[in-house]
Amino acid sequence: MVSFRHLWIGFAATLAAVVLVGCGSNETRLEGSVTFDGQPLDGGTMTLFPIGEPGSEGKRIPVSGEIKEGRYALGDGKNLRPGMYRVEAYWHKKTGKQIPSGDPPNTVDETKQVVPEKYNKNSQTTVDIKAGANKLDLPLTSK
């Protein structure tokens, strides 16, 4: 005779197996490098804005992530779905100056947007994201 406890343990084990299978590496993601005038960009942001109608995968939303040491990775739980996206890159570089702040210690590092608008708010760069792994390297220039 099977006890309630054994049924519960079996159910929990089955549920765990289903969850683990669902966490496989088939997730849609985009990764690559970003350079600015030939140097790895560090501390910037990459944002993807959906273009056009959603596909069979459903509604797409903007996806953003940090650029560290010239590398970025979007996806892995960040709602990236297949489809066309417009790419924007930003880098608020520290100027070396301190400016007043309303929060203690009452100063913060001043930053300046150094990536030209042709790579962010006026960007014409697009990427067609497919299910699974995708790669896009961005060589940005100041000119």
Protein backbone atom coordinates (compact mmCIF):
# COMPACT_ATOMS: atom_id res chain seq x y z
CA MET A 1 0.00 0.00 0.00
CA VAL A 2 1.29 3.46 -0.94
CA SER A 3 1.17 6.07 1.78
CA PHE A 4 0.29 9.71 1.34
CA ARG A 5 3.87 10.58 2.22
CA HIS A 6 5.23 8.45 -0.62
CA LEU A 7 2.79 10.05 -3.06
CA TRP A 8 3.87 13.51 -1.91
CA ILE A 9 7.59 12.66 -2.31
CA GLY A 10 6.91 11.25 -5.80
CA PHE A 11 4.97 14.37 -6.78
CA ALA A 12 7.73 16.67 -5.47
CA ALA A 13 10.42 14.70 -7.35
CA THR A 14 8.42 14.86 -10.59
CA LEU A 15 7.83 18.60 -10.20
CA ALA A 16 11.54 19.19 -9.55
CA ALA A 17 12.46 17.22 -12.69
CA VAL A 18 10.04 19.26 -14.82
CA VAL A 19 11.42 22.54 -13.45
CA LEU A 20 15.03 21.47 -14.06
CA VAL A 21 14.28 20.40 -17.62
CA GLY A 22 12.65 23.81 -18.19
CA CYS A 23 15.85 25.53 -17.04
CA GLY A 24 17.99 24.13 -19.84
CA SER A 25 20.34 26.03 -22.10
CA ASN A 26 17.72 26.55 -24.85
CA GLU A 27 16.99 30.02 -23.52
CA THR A 28 17.15 32.87 -26.02
CA ARG A 29 20.16 35.08 -25.34
CA LEU A 30 22.38 37.66 -27.03
CA GLU A 31 26.00 38.25 -26.12
CA GLY A 32 29.05 39.85 -27.59
CA SER A 33 31.64 42.57 -27.26
CA VAL A 34 31.43 46.35 -27.36
CA THR A 35 34.43 48.54 -28.12
CA PHE A 36 34.69 52.32 -28.27
CA ASP A 37 37.45 53.63 -30.55
CA GLY A 38 39.05 50.18 -30.38
CA GLN A 39 39.04 49.89 -26.57
CA PRO A 40 36.67 47.66 -24.53
CA LEU A 41 33.76 49.73 -23.23
CA ASP A 42 33.35 49.31 -19.46
CA GLY A 43 30.35 50.39 -17.42
CA GLY A 44 27.93 51.13 -20.24
CA THR A 45 24.49 49.76 -21.06
CA MET A 46 23.03 47.94 -24.03
CA THR A 47 19.28 48.11 -24.68
CA LEU A 48 17.20 46.27 -27.27
CA PHE A 49 13.88 47.77 -28.39
CA PRO A 50 11.40 45.50 -30.23
CA ILE A 51 10.66 46.39 -33.87
CA GLY A 52 7.49 45.31 -35.64
CA GLU A 53 4.83 42.86 -34.58
CA PRO A 54 5.35 40.15 -31.99
CA GLY A 55 5.86 36.70 -33.46
CA SER A 56 4.39 33.43 -32.32
CA GLU A 57 6.45 33.75 -29.11
CA GLY A 58 4.20 36.55 -27.85
CA LYS A 59 4.73 40.11 -26.71
CA ARG A 60 8.29 41.40 -26.64
CA ILE A 61 9.52 44.08 -24.27
CA PRO A 62 12.71 46.19 -24.21
CA VAL A 63 15.65 44.29 -22.72
CA SER A 64 18.67 45.99 -21.15
CA GLY A 65 21.92 44.92 -19.55
CA GLU A 66 25.28 46.19 -18.39
CA ILE A 67 28.45 46.22 -20.45
CA LYS A 68 31.43 45.17 -18.32
CA GLU A 69 35.01 45.00 -19.52
CA GLY A 70 33.81 45.15 -23.12
CA ARG A 71 31.33 42.25 -22.81
CA TYR A 72 27.56 41.99 -22.38
CA ALA A 73 25.01 39.18 -22.13
CA LEU A 74 21.25 39.63 -22.49
CA GLY A 75 18.71 36.89 -21.90
CA ASP A 76 18.84 34.28 -19.16
CA GLY A 77 15.67 35.47 -17.43
CA LYS A 78 15.57 38.94 -18.98
CA ASN A 79 12.54 38.27 -21.22
CA LEU A 80 14.47 38.23 -24.50
CA ARG A 81 12.31 36.67 -27.22
CA PRO A 82 12.97 36.02 -30.91
CA GLY A 83 12.31 38.89 -33.30
CA MET A 84 13.78 42.12 -34.65
CA TYR A 85 15.21 44.68 -32.23
CA ARG A 86 16.82 48.12 -32.50
CA VAL A 87 20.11 48.29 -30.58
CA GLU A 88 21.13 51.22 -28.36
CA ALA A 89 24.44 51.57 -26.51
CA TYR A 90 25.20 54.14 -23.81
CA TRP A 91 28.29 54.92 -21.77
CA HIS A 92 28.24 57.58 -19.07
CA LYS A 93 31.99 57.96 -18.59
CA LYS A 94 33.33 59.48 -15.39
CA THR A 95 34.90 62.91 -15.93
CA GLY A 96 37.05 62.80 -12.79
CA LYS A 97 35.04 65.62 -11.15
CA GLN A 98 32.73 65.46 -8.14
CA ILE A 99 29.36 67.22 -8.29
CA PRO A 100 26.85 68.03 -5.52
CA SER A 101 24.32 65.38 -4.54
CA GLY A 102 21.30 65.38 -2.24
CA ASP A 103 22.43 62.13 -0.61
CA PRO A 104 25.37 61.69 1.76
CA PRO A 105 28.28 62.09 1.23
CA ASN A 106 26.69 64.95 -0.78
CA THR A 107 28.89 64.49 -3.86
CA VAL A 108 28.91 61.97 -6.70
CA ASP A 109 31.11 61.30 -9.71
CA GLU A 110 30.18 63.48 -12.65
CA THR A 111 29.58 61.50 -15.83
CA LYS A 112 29.23 62.44 -19.48
CA GLN A 113 27.53 60.48 -22.26
CA VAL A 114 30.36 59.81 -24.72
CA VAL A 115 28.74 57.39 -27.18
CA PRO A 116 27.43 59.35 -30.19
CA GLU A 117 23.65 59.48 -30.70
CA LYS A 118 23.99 57.40 -33.88
CA TYR A 119 24.54 54.41 -31.55
CA ASN A 120 21.75 55.19 -29.05
CA LYS A 121 18.71 57.44 -29.49
CA ASN A 122 19.30 57.75 -33.28
CA SER A 123 20.53 54.18 -33.73
CA GLN A 124 19.85 52.38 -37.00
CA THR A 125 21.56 49.20 -35.77
CA THR A 126 19.22 46.22 -35.68
CA VAL A 127 19.54 42.58 -34.73
CA ASP A 128 17.31 39.64 -35.63
CA ILE A 129 17.17 37.47 -32.52
CA LYS A 130 16.60 33.74 -33.09
CA ALA A 131 15.72 31.16 -30.43
CA GLY A 132 18.87 29.99 -28.62
CA ALA A 133 22.28 31.65 -28.67
CA ASN A 134 22.87 34.85 -30.68
CA LYS A 135 26.01 36.98 -31.04
CA LEU A 136 26.48 40.67 -31.88
CA ASP A 137 29.77 42.55 -31.59
CA LEU A 138 29.55 46.37 -31.67
CA PRO A 139 32.64 48.36 -32.70
CA LEU A 140 31.59 51.93 -31.76
CA THR A 141 33.59 55.01 -32.76
CA SER A 142 33.56 58.61 -31.55
CA LYS A 143 33.48 59.92 -35.13
